[in-house]
N, C-alpha and C. Protein backbone atom coordinates (compact mmCIF):
# COMPACT_ATOMS: atom_id res chain seq x y z
N MET A 1 32.94 -67.00 -56.52
CA MET A 1 32.06 -66.41 -55.54
C MET A 1 30.91 -67.35 -55.28
N ARG A 2 30.51 -67.45 -54.02
CA ARG A 2 29.37 -68.29 -53.69
C ARG A 2 28.12 -67.72 -54.35
N SER A 3 27.20 -68.62 -54.68
CA SER A 3 26.00 -68.18 -55.38
C SER A 3 25.16 -67.24 -54.53
N SER A 4 25.19 -67.37 -53.20
CA SER A 4 24.40 -66.48 -52.34
C SER A 4 24.92 -65.05 -52.42
N ALA A 5 26.24 -64.88 -52.49
CA ALA A 5 26.81 -63.54 -52.60
C ALA A 5 26.46 -62.95 -53.96
N ARG A 6 26.54 -63.74 -55.03
CA ARG A 6 26.19 -63.26 -56.36
C ARG A 6 24.70 -62.91 -56.40
N SER A 7 23.87 -63.71 -55.75
CA SER A 7 22.44 -63.42 -55.72
C SER A 7 22.16 -62.10 -55.00
N ARG A 8 22.89 -61.83 -53.92
CA ARG A 8 22.73 -60.56 -53.20
C ARG A 8 23.11 -59.39 -54.11
N LEU A 9 24.22 -59.54 -54.85
CA LEU A 9 24.66 -58.48 -55.75
C LEU A 9 23.62 -58.26 -56.85
N GLN A 10 23.11 -59.33 -57.44
CA GLN A 10 22.09 -59.20 -58.47
C GLN A 10 20.81 -58.59 -57.89
N GLY A 11 20.46 -58.97 -56.68
CA GLY A 11 19.28 -58.40 -56.02
C GLY A 11 19.45 -56.91 -55.77
N THR A 12 20.66 -56.49 -55.42
CA THR A 12 20.92 -55.07 -55.19
C THR A 12 20.79 -54.29 -56.48
N VAL A 13 21.31 -54.83 -57.59
CA VAL A 13 21.19 -54.17 -58.88
C VAL A 13 19.72 -54.00 -59.23
N LEU A 14 18.94 -55.05 -59.04
CA LEU A 14 17.50 -54.97 -59.33
C LEU A 14 16.83 -53.94 -58.42
N ALA A 15 17.16 -53.95 -57.14
CA ALA A 15 16.55 -53.00 -56.20
C ALA A 15 16.91 -51.57 -56.57
N LEU A 16 18.16 -51.33 -56.95
CA LEU A 16 18.57 -49.99 -57.34
C LEU A 16 17.80 -49.52 -58.57
N THR A 17 17.62 -50.40 -59.53
CA THR A 17 16.88 -50.05 -60.73
C THR A 17 15.43 -49.74 -60.40
N LEU A 18 14.80 -50.59 -59.61
CA LEU A 18 13.40 -50.37 -59.25
C LEU A 18 13.24 -49.14 -58.37
N PHE A 19 14.20 -48.89 -57.48
CA PHE A 19 14.16 -47.72 -56.62
C PHE A 19 14.15 -46.46 -57.47
N GLY A 20 15.06 -46.39 -58.43
CA GLY A 20 15.14 -45.21 -59.28
C GLY A 20 13.90 -45.01 -60.11
N LEU A 21 13.39 -46.09 -60.70
CA LEU A 21 12.20 -45.98 -61.52
C LEU A 21 10.97 -45.67 -60.67
N GLY A 22 10.92 -46.25 -59.47
CA GLY A 22 9.79 -46.00 -58.57
C GLY A 22 9.78 -44.58 -58.05
N ALA A 23 10.95 -43.98 -57.96
CA ALA A 23 11.04 -42.60 -57.48
C ALA A 23 10.74 -41.60 -58.59
N GLY A 24 10.40 -42.11 -59.77
CA GLY A 24 10.03 -41.23 -60.86
C GLY A 24 11.21 -40.71 -61.67
N MET A 25 12.37 -41.31 -61.51
CA MET A 25 13.54 -40.87 -62.27
C MET A 25 13.58 -41.62 -63.58
N SER A 26 13.95 -40.93 -64.62
CA SER A 26 14.18 -41.61 -65.88
C SER A 26 15.50 -42.34 -65.80
N ALA A 27 15.75 -43.22 -66.75
CA ALA A 27 17.03 -43.93 -66.77
C ALA A 27 18.18 -42.95 -66.86
N ALA A 28 18.02 -41.89 -67.64
CA ALA A 28 19.09 -40.91 -67.77
C ALA A 28 19.35 -40.21 -66.44
N GLN A 29 18.29 -39.83 -65.73
CA GLN A 29 18.46 -39.17 -64.44
C GLN A 29 19.08 -40.10 -63.42
N MET A 30 18.68 -41.36 -63.45
CA MET A 30 19.18 -42.31 -62.46
C MET A 30 20.66 -42.54 -62.56
N GLY A 31 21.15 -42.71 -63.73
CA GLY A 31 22.51 -43.20 -63.80
C GLY A 31 23.45 -42.35 -64.58
N HIS A 32 23.52 -42.59 -65.85
CA HIS A 32 24.64 -42.10 -66.62
C HIS A 32 24.67 -40.59 -66.81
N GLU A 33 23.59 -39.90 -66.78
CA GLU A 33 23.66 -38.47 -67.00
C GLU A 33 23.67 -37.67 -65.70
N SER A 34 22.93 -38.04 -64.72
CA SER A 34 22.85 -37.18 -63.53
C SER A 34 23.65 -37.69 -62.35
N GLY A 35 24.24 -38.85 -62.44
CA GLY A 35 25.00 -39.35 -61.32
C GLY A 35 24.12 -40.06 -60.31
N MET A 36 22.91 -40.48 -60.69
CA MET A 36 21.99 -41.21 -59.83
C MET A 36 21.94 -40.60 -58.44
N GLN A 37 21.71 -39.33 -58.39
CA GLN A 37 21.58 -38.62 -57.13
C GLN A 37 22.85 -38.72 -56.28
N TYR A 38 23.98 -38.56 -56.90
CA TYR A 38 25.25 -38.54 -56.17
C TYR A 38 25.17 -37.40 -55.18
N ASP A 39 25.45 -37.70 -53.93
CA ASP A 39 25.32 -36.72 -52.86
C ASP A 39 26.66 -36.59 -52.14
N LEU A 40 27.27 -35.43 -52.26
CA LEU A 40 28.57 -35.21 -51.61
C LEU A 40 28.49 -35.37 -50.09
N LYS A 41 27.30 -35.15 -49.52
CA LYS A 41 27.14 -35.28 -48.06
C LYS A 41 27.24 -36.74 -47.61
N THR A 42 27.03 -37.68 -48.53
CA THR A 42 27.13 -39.09 -48.14
C THR A 42 28.41 -39.74 -48.66
N GLU A 43 29.33 -38.91 -49.17
CA GLU A 43 30.56 -39.45 -49.72
C GLU A 43 31.41 -40.07 -48.61
N MET A 44 31.96 -41.23 -48.93
CA MET A 44 32.79 -41.95 -47.97
C MET A 44 33.87 -42.70 -48.72
N THR A 45 34.89 -43.13 -47.98
CA THR A 45 35.96 -43.92 -48.56
C THR A 45 36.01 -45.25 -47.85
N LEU A 46 36.00 -46.34 -48.62
CA LEU A 46 36.03 -47.70 -48.09
C LEU A 46 37.19 -48.46 -48.72
N THR A 47 37.82 -49.30 -47.93
CA THR A 47 38.87 -50.18 -48.42
C THR A 47 38.44 -51.61 -48.15
N GLY A 48 38.62 -52.47 -49.14
CA GLY A 48 38.23 -53.86 -48.95
C GLY A 48 38.68 -54.74 -50.09
N THR A 49 38.11 -55.93 -50.11
CA THR A 49 38.45 -56.96 -51.08
C THR A 49 37.28 -57.15 -52.04
N VAL A 50 37.58 -57.20 -53.33
CA VAL A 50 36.55 -57.46 -54.33
C VAL A 50 36.12 -58.92 -54.20
N GLU A 51 34.81 -59.12 -53.97
CA GLU A 51 34.26 -60.47 -53.90
C GLU A 51 33.72 -60.93 -55.25
N ASP A 52 33.28 -59.96 -56.07
CA ASP A 52 32.75 -60.31 -57.38
C ASP A 52 32.78 -59.08 -58.27
N VAL A 53 32.90 -59.32 -59.55
CA VAL A 53 32.81 -58.28 -60.56
C VAL A 53 31.66 -58.70 -61.47
N MET A 54 30.74 -57.78 -61.72
CA MET A 54 29.58 -58.12 -62.51
C MET A 54 29.37 -57.08 -63.59
N ASP A 55 29.13 -57.53 -64.81
CA ASP A 55 28.82 -56.65 -65.92
C ASP A 55 27.33 -56.79 -66.20
N VAL A 56 26.59 -55.71 -65.98
CA VAL A 56 25.15 -55.72 -66.23
C VAL A 56 24.94 -55.16 -67.63
N PRO A 57 24.50 -56.02 -68.58
CA PRO A 57 24.34 -55.57 -69.96
C PRO A 57 23.16 -54.61 -70.12
N GLY A 58 23.18 -53.90 -71.22
CA GLY A 58 22.07 -53.01 -71.54
C GLY A 58 22.48 -51.56 -71.55
N THR A 59 21.48 -50.71 -71.63
CA THR A 59 21.72 -49.26 -71.67
C THR A 59 21.02 -48.54 -70.53
N GLY A 60 20.44 -49.28 -69.62
CA GLY A 60 19.72 -48.68 -68.51
C GLY A 60 20.64 -48.05 -67.48
N ALA A 61 20.03 -47.42 -66.52
CA ALA A 61 20.77 -46.67 -65.50
C ALA A 61 21.75 -47.53 -64.72
N MET A 62 21.41 -48.75 -64.46
CA MET A 62 22.29 -49.60 -63.66
C MET A 62 23.08 -50.58 -64.50
N SER A 63 23.08 -50.39 -65.82
CA SER A 63 23.93 -51.24 -66.64
C SER A 63 25.37 -50.81 -66.42
N GLY A 64 26.28 -51.71 -66.71
CA GLY A 64 27.69 -51.38 -66.56
C GLY A 64 28.39 -52.28 -65.57
N MET A 65 29.55 -51.82 -65.11
CA MET A 65 30.38 -52.63 -64.23
C MET A 65 30.06 -52.35 -62.76
N HIS A 66 29.96 -53.46 -62.02
CA HIS A 66 29.65 -53.40 -60.60
C HIS A 66 30.64 -54.28 -59.84
N LEU A 67 30.93 -53.90 -58.60
CA LEU A 67 31.76 -54.72 -57.72
C LEU A 67 30.97 -55.05 -56.46
N SER A 68 31.26 -56.20 -55.90
CA SER A 68 30.82 -56.52 -54.55
C SER A 68 32.07 -56.36 -53.71
N LEU A 69 32.05 -55.42 -52.76
CA LEU A 69 33.23 -55.09 -51.97
C LEU A 69 33.03 -55.50 -50.52
N LYS A 70 33.94 -56.34 -50.02
CA LYS A 70 33.89 -56.78 -48.63
C LYS A 70 34.89 -55.96 -47.82
N THR A 71 34.37 -55.20 -46.86
CA THR A 71 35.21 -54.43 -45.95
C THR A 71 35.21 -55.14 -44.60
N LYS A 72 35.90 -54.57 -43.63
CA LYS A 72 35.89 -55.16 -42.29
C LYS A 72 34.49 -55.12 -41.68
N ALA A 73 33.72 -54.10 -42.04
CA ALA A 73 32.41 -53.90 -41.42
C ALA A 73 31.23 -54.46 -42.21
N MET A 74 31.38 -54.62 -43.54
CA MET A 74 30.23 -54.99 -44.35
C MET A 74 30.65 -55.45 -45.74
N THR A 75 29.69 -55.98 -46.47
CA THR A 75 29.84 -56.21 -47.89
C THR A 75 28.86 -55.27 -48.57
N ILE A 76 29.36 -54.49 -49.53
CA ILE A 76 28.51 -53.48 -50.16
C ILE A 76 28.68 -53.51 -51.67
N HIS A 77 27.62 -53.18 -52.35
CA HIS A 77 27.58 -53.11 -53.81
C HIS A 77 28.18 -51.78 -54.25
N VAL A 78 29.03 -51.81 -55.28
CA VAL A 78 29.65 -50.59 -55.82
C VAL A 78 29.34 -50.51 -57.32
N HIS A 79 28.70 -49.41 -57.72
CA HIS A 79 28.43 -49.18 -59.14
C HIS A 79 29.54 -48.29 -59.68
N LEU A 80 30.28 -48.80 -60.70
CA LEU A 80 31.39 -48.05 -61.27
C LEU A 80 30.96 -47.15 -62.42
N GLY A 81 30.25 -47.72 -63.40
CA GLY A 81 29.85 -46.96 -64.58
C GLY A 81 29.78 -47.89 -65.77
N PRO A 82 29.57 -47.33 -66.96
CA PRO A 82 29.49 -48.16 -68.16
C PRO A 82 30.76 -48.99 -68.34
N THR A 83 30.59 -50.26 -68.64
CA THR A 83 31.73 -51.19 -68.74
C THR A 83 32.78 -50.71 -69.74
N ALA A 84 32.37 -50.27 -70.91
CA ALA A 84 33.33 -49.82 -71.92
C ALA A 84 34.15 -48.65 -71.41
N PHE A 85 33.51 -47.72 -70.70
CA PHE A 85 34.22 -46.56 -70.15
C PHE A 85 35.23 -47.01 -69.09
N VAL A 86 34.81 -47.87 -68.18
CA VAL A 86 35.69 -48.33 -67.11
C VAL A 86 36.90 -49.06 -67.71
N ARG A 87 36.67 -49.90 -68.69
CA ARG A 87 37.78 -50.64 -69.31
C ARG A 87 38.78 -49.71 -70.00
N LYS A 88 38.29 -48.62 -70.60
CA LYS A 88 39.17 -47.67 -71.26
C LYS A 88 40.12 -46.99 -70.26
N LEU A 89 39.75 -46.97 -69.00
CA LEU A 89 40.58 -46.32 -67.99
C LEU A 89 41.79 -47.15 -67.59
N GLY A 90 41.81 -48.42 -68.01
CA GLY A 90 43.02 -49.21 -67.88
C GLY A 90 43.22 -50.04 -66.63
N ILE A 91 42.23 -50.17 -65.80
CA ILE A 91 42.35 -51.05 -64.62
C ILE A 91 41.33 -52.17 -64.76
N ALA A 92 41.79 -53.39 -64.62
CA ALA A 92 40.88 -54.54 -64.61
C ALA A 92 40.66 -54.94 -63.15
N PHE A 93 39.46 -55.38 -62.85
CA PHE A 93 39.12 -55.81 -61.49
C PHE A 93 38.82 -57.30 -61.49
N ALA A 94 39.22 -57.98 -60.42
CA ALA A 94 38.99 -59.41 -60.28
C ALA A 94 38.77 -59.74 -58.81
N LYS A 95 38.14 -60.87 -58.59
CA LYS A 95 37.93 -61.37 -57.24
C LYS A 95 39.27 -61.43 -56.52
N GLY A 96 39.30 -60.92 -55.29
CA GLY A 96 40.51 -60.94 -54.48
C GLY A 96 41.30 -59.65 -54.53
N ASP A 97 41.01 -58.76 -55.47
CA ASP A 97 41.72 -57.48 -55.54
C ASP A 97 41.45 -56.65 -54.29
N GLN A 98 42.48 -55.98 -53.81
CA GLN A 98 42.34 -55.02 -52.72
C GLN A 98 42.14 -53.65 -53.36
N VAL A 99 41.05 -52.96 -53.02
CA VAL A 99 40.75 -51.66 -53.62
C VAL A 99 40.29 -50.68 -52.55
N THR A 100 40.44 -49.41 -52.88
CA THR A 100 39.88 -48.33 -52.07
C THR A 100 38.92 -47.56 -52.97
N VAL A 101 37.70 -47.40 -52.50
CA VAL A 101 36.64 -46.76 -53.27
C VAL A 101 36.18 -45.50 -52.53
N THR A 102 36.10 -44.39 -53.23
CA THR A 102 35.48 -43.18 -52.70
C THR A 102 34.23 -42.96 -53.53
N GLY A 103 33.10 -42.79 -52.83
CA GLY A 103 31.85 -42.60 -53.54
C GLY A 103 30.72 -42.22 -52.61
N SER A 104 29.58 -42.01 -53.21
CA SER A 104 28.38 -41.60 -52.49
C SER A 104 27.58 -42.82 -52.07
N ARG A 105 27.27 -42.89 -50.79
CA ARG A 105 26.48 -44.01 -50.28
C ARG A 105 25.01 -43.70 -50.49
N ILE A 106 24.32 -44.60 -51.16
CA ILE A 106 22.89 -44.45 -51.37
C ILE A 106 22.17 -45.59 -50.67
N LYS A 107 20.99 -45.29 -50.18
CA LYS A 107 20.19 -46.29 -49.47
C LYS A 107 18.77 -46.27 -50.00
N GLY A 108 18.18 -47.44 -49.99
CA GLY A 108 16.79 -47.58 -50.36
C GLY A 108 16.19 -48.68 -49.51
N GLU A 109 14.99 -49.03 -49.82
CA GLU A 109 14.32 -50.08 -49.05
C GLU A 109 14.99 -51.42 -49.33
N GLY A 110 15.71 -51.93 -48.35
CA GLY A 110 16.33 -53.24 -48.47
C GLY A 110 17.67 -53.27 -49.18
N PHE A 111 18.27 -52.13 -49.46
CA PHE A 111 19.58 -52.14 -50.11
C PHE A 111 20.35 -50.88 -49.77
N GLU A 112 21.64 -50.98 -49.95
CA GLU A 112 22.49 -49.80 -49.96
C GLU A 112 23.65 -50.08 -50.90
N ALA A 113 24.21 -49.02 -51.44
CA ALA A 113 25.27 -49.17 -52.44
C ALA A 113 26.13 -47.92 -52.44
N ILE A 114 27.23 -48.03 -53.16
CA ILE A 114 28.13 -46.90 -53.36
C ILE A 114 28.16 -46.57 -54.84
N LEU A 115 27.98 -45.30 -55.18
CA LEU A 115 28.20 -44.82 -56.55
C LEU A 115 29.64 -44.32 -56.56
N ALA A 116 30.53 -45.08 -57.17
CA ALA A 116 31.96 -44.79 -57.09
C ALA A 116 32.33 -43.51 -57.83
N ARG A 117 33.19 -42.71 -57.20
CA ARG A 117 33.78 -41.54 -57.83
C ARG A 117 35.23 -41.84 -58.22
N THR A 118 35.98 -42.47 -57.30
CA THR A 118 37.34 -42.89 -57.60
C THR A 118 37.55 -44.31 -57.07
N VAL A 119 38.42 -45.05 -57.73
CA VAL A 119 38.79 -46.39 -57.27
C VAL A 119 40.31 -46.50 -57.42
N THR A 120 40.95 -46.96 -56.34
CA THR A 120 42.39 -47.17 -56.35
C THR A 120 42.67 -48.64 -56.13
N LYS A 121 43.57 -49.17 -56.96
CA LYS A 121 44.02 -50.56 -56.86
C LYS A 121 45.54 -50.53 -56.99
N GLY A 122 46.22 -50.86 -55.91
CA GLY A 122 47.68 -50.79 -55.93
C GLY A 122 48.12 -49.36 -56.16
N ASP A 123 48.99 -49.16 -57.15
CA ASP A 123 49.50 -47.83 -57.47
C ASP A 123 48.67 -47.12 -58.54
N SER A 124 47.58 -47.74 -58.98
CA SER A 124 46.75 -47.17 -60.04
C SER A 124 45.42 -46.67 -59.48
N ALA A 125 44.97 -45.56 -60.04
CA ALA A 125 43.68 -45.00 -59.62
C ALA A 125 42.90 -44.56 -60.85
N ILE A 126 41.59 -44.70 -60.78
CA ILE A 126 40.73 -44.20 -61.85
C ILE A 126 39.72 -43.23 -61.26
N THR A 127 39.36 -42.23 -62.05
CA THR A 127 38.35 -41.25 -61.65
C THR A 127 37.15 -41.45 -62.56
N LEU A 128 36.04 -41.84 -61.95
CA LEU A 128 34.82 -42.14 -62.69
C LEU A 128 33.86 -40.95 -62.74
N ARG A 129 33.95 -40.10 -61.74
CA ARG A 129 33.08 -38.92 -61.63
C ARG A 129 33.94 -37.73 -61.22
N ASP A 130 33.47 -36.54 -61.56
CA ASP A 130 34.23 -35.35 -61.17
C ASP A 130 34.02 -35.06 -59.68
N LYS A 131 34.62 -33.99 -59.19
CA LYS A 131 34.57 -33.68 -57.75
C LYS A 131 33.15 -33.41 -57.25
N ASN A 132 32.22 -33.13 -58.16
CA ASN A 132 30.82 -32.90 -57.78
C ASN A 132 29.95 -34.14 -57.97
N GLY A 133 30.57 -35.24 -58.43
CA GLY A 133 29.83 -36.48 -58.61
C GLY A 133 29.23 -36.68 -59.99
N MET A 134 29.52 -35.76 -60.91
CA MET A 134 28.99 -35.92 -62.27
C MET A 134 29.82 -36.96 -63.01
N PRO A 135 29.16 -37.90 -63.69
CA PRO A 135 29.87 -38.96 -64.40
C PRO A 135 30.79 -38.41 -65.48
N ARG A 136 32.01 -38.91 -65.54
CA ARG A 136 32.96 -38.49 -66.57
C ARG A 136 32.62 -39.09 -67.93
N TRP A 137 31.88 -40.21 -67.94
CA TRP A 137 31.59 -40.85 -69.22
C TRP A 137 30.63 -40.04 -70.06
N GLY A 138 29.95 -39.07 -69.50
CA GLY A 138 29.04 -38.23 -70.27
C GLY A 138 29.65 -36.91 -70.67
N MET A 139 30.90 -36.67 -70.24
CA MET A 139 31.56 -35.40 -70.50
C MET A 139 32.24 -35.41 -71.86
N ARG A 140 32.26 -34.27 -72.48
CA ARG A 140 32.98 -34.14 -73.76
C ARG A 140 34.42 -33.76 -73.44
N PRO A 141 35.35 -34.29 -74.25
CA PRO A 141 36.77 -33.98 -74.01
C PRO A 141 37.10 -32.52 -74.14
């Protein structure tokens, strides 16, 4: 991936983190426990090509696995969830993969992103959030 595209993805991760903290949300509210304000009214489905896969280390709201997804209309940041959880689901993502993402579109000052609920790659699909947008990684079996 070109460094400018990676820089945009890293900038979006930073903007999302600052947006959530600036709005007065705790890390738990922003990401892993509350679904970072997952809104069913903004849910959409996009199909495109993975331009980059990024693992953001740490335990904060925006830590975890992220994709940069290029569609016909745009390139958008996709937050999947905690890396360990995503890997347990059995799908690996790489540059050039064709995927379909269903998730909630969030916007802030200077950024927009998708909080993924489901991702399909070929004949395989993973569910990251339930039908209401609540993260599956915080659910008890």
